[in-house]
N, C-alpha and C. Protein backbone atom coordinates (compact mmCIF):
# COMPACT_ATOMS: atom_id res chain seq x y z
N MET A 1 -18.55 8.06 68.06
CA MET A 1 -18.32 8.47 66.79
C MET A 1 -19.44 9.47 66.45
N SER A 2 -19.05 10.56 65.74
CA SER A 2 -19.91 11.46 65.50
C SER A 2 -20.49 11.13 64.01
N SER A 3 -21.54 12.01 63.61
CA SER A 3 -22.13 11.40 62.42
C SER A 3 -21.40 12.14 61.29
N LYS A 4 -20.56 12.97 61.45
CA LYS A 4 -19.81 13.61 60.36
C LYS A 4 -18.43 12.82 60.15
N SER A 5 -18.02 12.05 61.02
CA SER A 5 -16.97 11.28 60.65
C SER A 5 -17.21 9.96 59.86
N ARG A 6 -18.57 9.53 60.04
CA ARG A 6 -18.91 8.27 59.27
C ARG A 6 -18.84 8.61 57.73
N PRO A 7 -19.33 9.62 57.21
CA PRO A 7 -19.31 9.87 55.84
C PRO A 7 -17.71 10.05 55.24
N ARG A 8 -16.89 10.52 56.20
CA ARG A 8 -15.61 10.71 55.71
C ARG A 8 -14.93 9.34 55.74
N ILE A 9 -15.19 8.46 56.73
CA ILE A 9 -14.59 7.15 56.75
C ILE A 9 -15.23 6.30 55.42
N ALA A 10 -16.43 6.53 55.18
CA ALA A 10 -17.02 5.83 53.97
C ALA A 10 -16.51 6.32 52.71
N LEU A 11 -16.23 7.55 52.58
CA LEU A 11 -15.68 8.20 51.36
C LEU A 11 -14.25 7.51 51.23
N ALA A 12 -13.56 7.59 52.31
CA ALA A 12 -12.09 7.13 52.31
C ALA A 12 -12.13 5.59 51.80
N ILE A 13 -12.96 4.86 52.39
CA ILE A 13 -13.17 3.32 51.87
C ILE A 13 -13.38 3.50 50.35
N TYR A 14 -14.41 4.22 50.03
CA TYR A 14 -14.92 4.22 48.78
C TYR A 14 -13.62 4.50 47.89
N LEU A 15 -12.96 5.63 48.07
CA LEU A 15 -11.98 5.94 47.21
C LEU A 15 -10.81 5.01 47.34
N THR A 16 -10.66 4.45 48.39
CA THR A 16 -9.42 3.44 48.37
C THR A 16 -9.82 2.24 47.60
N ALA A 17 -10.99 1.87 47.73
CA ALA A 17 -11.45 0.83 46.97
C ALA A 17 -11.41 1.07 45.44
N LEU A 18 -11.81 2.34 44.99
CA LEU A 18 -11.74 2.68 43.56
C LEU A 18 -10.24 2.64 43.20
N LEU A 19 -9.39 3.14 43.92
CA LEU A 19 -7.87 3.16 43.78
C LEU A 19 -7.36 1.87 43.49
N VAL A 20 -7.65 0.88 44.38
CA VAL A 20 -7.28 -0.45 44.24
C VAL A 20 -7.74 -1.07 43.02
N PHE A 21 -9.08 -0.99 42.78
CA PHE A 21 -9.57 -1.59 41.52
C PHE A 21 -9.06 -0.93 40.22
N GLY A 22 -8.91 0.41 40.31
CA GLY A 22 -8.14 1.09 39.21
C GLY A 22 -6.89 0.61 38.89
N GLY A 23 -6.03 0.54 39.83
CA GLY A 23 -4.68 0.13 39.74
C GLY A 23 -4.61 -1.36 39.23
N TYR A 24 -5.64 -2.34 39.82
CA TYR A 24 -5.57 -3.60 39.34
C TYR A 24 -5.89 -3.75 38.00
N PHE A 25 -6.87 -2.88 37.47
CA PHE A 25 -7.22 -3.15 35.94
C PHE A 25 -6.04 -2.36 35.13
N ALA A 26 -5.52 -1.23 35.68
CA ALA A 26 -4.27 -0.58 34.83
C ALA A 26 -3.16 -1.71 34.81
N LEU A 27 -2.86 -2.53 35.80
CA LEU A 27 -1.73 -3.42 35.81
C LEU A 27 -2.14 -4.41 34.84
N ALA A 28 -3.45 -4.96 34.99
CA ALA A 28 -3.68 -6.13 34.01
C ALA A 28 -3.77 -5.64 32.61
N SER A 29 -4.04 -4.53 32.17
CA SER A 29 -4.05 -3.98 30.98
C SER A 29 -2.66 -3.89 30.41
N VAL A 30 -1.76 -3.84 31.05
CA VAL A 30 -0.29 -3.80 30.56
C VAL A 30 0.33 -5.12 30.71
N GLN A 31 0.32 -5.76 31.92
CA GLN A 31 1.01 -6.96 32.18
C GLN A 31 0.11 -8.28 32.08
N GLY A 32 -1.12 -8.13 31.86
CA GLY A 32 -1.89 -9.50 32.03
C GLY A 32 -1.83 -10.40 30.87
N GLU A 33 -2.57 -11.36 30.81
CA GLU A 33 -2.57 -12.39 29.76
C GLU A 33 -2.89 -11.80 28.38
N TYR A 34 -3.73 -10.75 28.43
CA TYR A 34 -4.13 -9.99 27.28
C TYR A 34 -3.68 -8.59 27.26
N GLY A 35 -2.60 -8.25 27.92
CA GLY A 35 -2.07 -6.90 28.10
C GLY A 35 -1.11 -6.58 26.81
N LEU A 36 -0.72 -5.25 27.23
CA LEU A 36 0.17 -4.73 26.04
C LEU A 36 1.34 -5.72 25.85
N PHE A 37 2.10 -5.95 26.94
CA PHE A 37 3.43 -6.71 26.85
C PHE A 37 3.30 -8.09 26.10
N ARG A 38 2.12 -8.64 26.45
CA ARG A 38 1.79 -9.96 25.78
C ARG A 38 1.38 -9.76 24.13
N ARG A 39 0.85 -8.54 23.96
CA ARG A 39 0.60 -8.34 22.43
C ARG A 39 1.90 -8.01 21.68
N VAL A 40 2.93 -7.25 22.36
CA VAL A 40 4.17 -7.12 21.90
C VAL A 40 4.76 -8.53 21.59
N GLN A 41 4.87 -9.30 22.52
CA GLN A 41 5.45 -10.62 22.28
C GLN A 41 4.90 -11.48 21.14
N ILE A 42 3.40 -11.44 21.06
CA ILE A 42 2.78 -12.12 20.16
C ILE A 42 2.95 -11.38 18.68
N GLU A 43 3.10 -10.19 18.60
CA GLU A 43 3.50 -9.71 17.38
C GLU A 43 4.88 -10.07 17.05
N ALA A 44 5.94 -10.14 17.77
CA ALA A 44 7.24 -10.58 17.46
C ALA A 44 7.19 -11.86 17.06
N GLU A 45 6.55 -12.89 17.64
CA GLU A 45 6.18 -14.25 17.39
C GLU A 45 5.68 -14.42 16.06
N ILE A 46 4.81 -13.64 15.66
CA ILE A 46 4.15 -13.69 14.37
C ILE A 46 5.03 -13.28 13.27
N SER A 47 5.88 -12.22 13.58
CA SER A 47 6.95 -11.89 12.59
C SER A 47 7.99 -12.99 12.40
N GLU A 48 8.26 -13.62 13.34
CA GLU A 48 9.47 -14.65 13.56
C GLU A 48 8.80 -15.84 12.60
N LEU A 49 7.68 -16.18 12.96
CA LEU A 49 6.93 -17.29 12.24
C LEU A 49 6.58 -17.07 10.80
N ALA A 50 6.34 -15.77 10.59
CA ALA A 50 6.28 -15.44 9.02
C ALA A 50 7.64 -15.66 8.25
N THR A 51 8.49 -15.21 8.86
CA THR A 51 9.88 -15.35 8.26
C THR A 51 10.21 -16.92 8.03
N LEU A 52 9.88 -17.65 9.10
CA LEU A 52 10.19 -19.00 9.06
C LEU A 52 9.30 -19.76 7.90
N ARG A 53 8.10 -19.33 7.86
CA ARG A 53 7.07 -19.70 6.85
C ARG A 53 7.79 -19.48 5.39
N ASP A 54 8.20 -18.26 5.21
CA ASP A 54 8.63 -17.82 3.97
C ASP A 54 9.99 -18.69 3.60
N GLU A 55 10.76 -19.07 4.54
CA GLU A 55 11.89 -19.98 4.22
C GLU A 55 11.60 -21.08 3.85
N LEU A 56 10.60 -21.72 4.61
CA LEU A 56 10.15 -23.05 4.37
C LEU A 56 9.50 -23.23 3.01
N GLN A 57 8.79 -22.15 2.55
CA GLN A 57 8.03 -22.04 1.35
C GLN A 57 9.14 -21.97 0.09
N ALA A 58 10.15 -21.22 0.32
CA ALA A 58 11.06 -21.26 -0.64
C ALA A 58 11.83 -22.67 -0.78
N ARG A 59 12.00 -23.20 0.39
CA ARG A 59 12.64 -24.64 0.24
C ARG A 59 11.66 -25.69 -0.45
N VAL A 60 10.27 -25.55 -0.23
CA VAL A 60 9.39 -26.33 -0.76
C VAL A 60 9.39 -26.18 -2.42
N ASP A 61 9.36 -24.90 -2.68
CA ASP A 61 9.47 -24.47 -4.15
C ASP A 61 10.75 -25.08 -4.73
N GLU A 62 11.91 -24.91 -4.08
CA GLU A 62 13.14 -25.53 -4.55
C GLU A 62 12.97 -27.11 -4.93
N MET A 63 12.41 -27.65 -3.82
CA MET A 63 12.32 -29.19 -3.98
C MET A 63 11.47 -29.65 -5.04
N SER A 64 10.14 -28.69 -5.14
CA SER A 64 9.20 -28.91 -6.29
C SER A 64 9.87 -28.96 -7.51
N ASN A 65 10.68 -27.85 -7.84
CA ASN A 65 11.47 -27.56 -9.07
C ASN A 65 12.45 -28.84 -9.40
N MET A 66 13.15 -29.18 -8.44
CA MET A 66 14.06 -30.40 -8.48
C MET A 66 13.28 -31.71 -8.82
N THR A 67 12.15 -31.81 -8.15
CA THR A 67 11.27 -32.96 -8.48
C THR A 67 10.82 -33.12 -9.89
N LYS A 68 10.30 -31.79 -10.26
CA LYS A 68 9.72 -31.80 -11.63
C LYS A 68 10.97 -32.00 -12.73
N ARG A 69 12.06 -31.61 -12.35
CA ARG A 69 13.35 -31.65 -13.33
C ARG A 69 13.72 -33.21 -13.37
N LEU A 70 13.40 -33.88 -12.36
CA LEU A 70 13.92 -35.27 -12.40
C LEU A 70 12.85 -36.34 -12.81
N SER A 71 11.60 -35.57 -13.22
CA SER A 71 10.30 -36.80 -13.28
C SER A 71 10.50 -37.21 -14.70
N ASP A 72 9.37 -38.12 -15.12
CA ASP A 72 9.51 -38.74 -16.29
C ASP A 72 9.22 -37.97 -17.41
N GLU A 73 8.43 -36.86 -17.21
CA GLU A 73 7.97 -36.01 -18.22
C GLU A 73 9.10 -35.00 -18.74
N TYR A 74 9.85 -34.63 -17.80
CA TYR A 74 10.96 -33.69 -17.99
C TYR A 74 12.19 -34.19 -17.18
N LEU A 75 13.26 -34.48 -17.80
CA LEU A 75 14.39 -35.05 -17.28
C LEU A 75 15.61 -34.03 -17.75
N ASP A 76 16.14 -33.37 -16.49
CA ASP A 76 17.16 -32.62 -16.74
C ASP A 76 18.48 -33.42 -16.48
N LEU A 77 19.13 -33.67 -17.39
CA LEU A 77 20.36 -34.57 -17.42
C LEU A 77 21.52 -33.94 -16.48
N ASP A 78 21.57 -32.57 -16.57
CA ASP A 78 22.72 -32.06 -15.64
C ASP A 78 22.44 -32.36 -14.21
N LEU A 79 21.22 -32.10 -13.81
CA LEU A 79 20.81 -32.23 -12.46
C LEU A 79 20.88 -33.74 -12.03
N LEU A 80 20.35 -34.64 -12.90
CA LEU A 80 20.60 -36.10 -12.74
C LEU A 80 22.13 -36.45 -12.50
N ASP A 81 23.06 -36.01 -13.36
CA ASP A 81 24.42 -36.05 -13.28
C ASP A 81 24.92 -35.47 -11.86
N GLU A 82 24.38 -34.28 -11.36
CA GLU A 82 24.97 -33.84 -10.32
C GLU A 82 24.49 -34.66 -9.14
N ARG A 83 23.24 -34.90 -9.13
CA ARG A 83 22.68 -35.88 -7.81
C ARG A 83 23.27 -37.09 -7.90
N ALA A 84 23.62 -37.71 -9.04
CA ALA A 84 24.27 -39.11 -8.89
C ALA A 84 25.79 -38.95 -8.33
N ARG A 85 26.40 -37.94 -8.77
CA ARG A 85 27.70 -37.65 -8.23
C ARG A 85 27.63 -37.48 -6.90
N ASN A 86 26.71 -36.72 -6.25
CA ASN A 86 26.67 -36.32 -4.87
C ASN A 86 26.30 -37.44 -4.22
N VAL A 87 25.43 -38.29 -4.54
CA VAL A 87 24.83 -39.35 -3.74
C VAL A 87 25.90 -40.49 -3.77
N LEU A 88 26.28 -40.92 -4.97
CA LEU A 88 27.27 -42.16 -5.18
C LEU A 88 28.69 -41.76 -4.93
N GLY A 89 29.00 -40.40 -4.99
CA GLY A 89 30.37 -40.13 -4.98
C GLY A 89 31.14 -40.49 -6.21
N LEU A 90 30.47 -40.22 -7.29
CA LEU A 90 31.22 -40.71 -8.58
C LEU A 90 31.93 -39.45 -9.17
N VAL A 91 32.92 -39.75 -9.86
CA VAL A 91 33.69 -38.80 -10.64
C VAL A 91 33.92 -39.28 -12.05
N ARG A 92 34.23 -38.52 -13.08
CA ARG A 92 34.44 -38.95 -14.43
C ARG A 92 36.03 -39.24 -14.32
N SER A 93 36.44 -40.07 -15.28
CA SER A 93 37.77 -40.31 -15.49
C SER A 93 38.75 -39.18 -15.81
N ASP A 94 38.08 -38.22 -16.58
CA ASP A 94 38.94 -36.93 -16.96
C ASP A 94 39.04 -35.83 -15.87
N GLU A 95 38.28 -36.25 -14.68
CA GLU A 95 38.33 -35.13 -13.68
C GLU A 95 39.53 -35.40 -12.54
N ILE A 96 39.82 -34.46 -11.74
CA ILE A 96 40.89 -34.41 -10.94
C ILE A 96 40.20 -34.03 -9.37
N VAL A 97 40.28 -34.99 -8.68
CA VAL A 97 39.72 -34.83 -7.43
C VAL A 97 40.70 -34.21 -6.25
N ILE A 98 40.35 -33.08 -5.64
CA ILE A 98 41.32 -32.55 -4.66
C ILE A 98 40.59 -32.57 -3.32
N TYR A 99 41.27 -33.18 -2.47
CA TYR A 99 40.77 -33.24 -1.01
C TYR A 99 41.12 -32.05 -0.18
């Protein structure tokens, strides 16, 4: 081998190594555990969980309101009547039940 071919081979190996490492890091930045695709998945999951959280908070608020309305300090007779009819299956004598 001549001395001129050694630098060319070393340069080719060096450039190939740079290309391989660059490709690896580019691929990892897009598809890796902390890549762009994973970030999009996480943001979609965050949005979905925020929607679920808001729905659950609305349900908790509704249940808190009903609990307050049925408490000893404040008794809503209409709500009490509604709950008793629903739970016990009661109807008044002047009502007609249609199945």
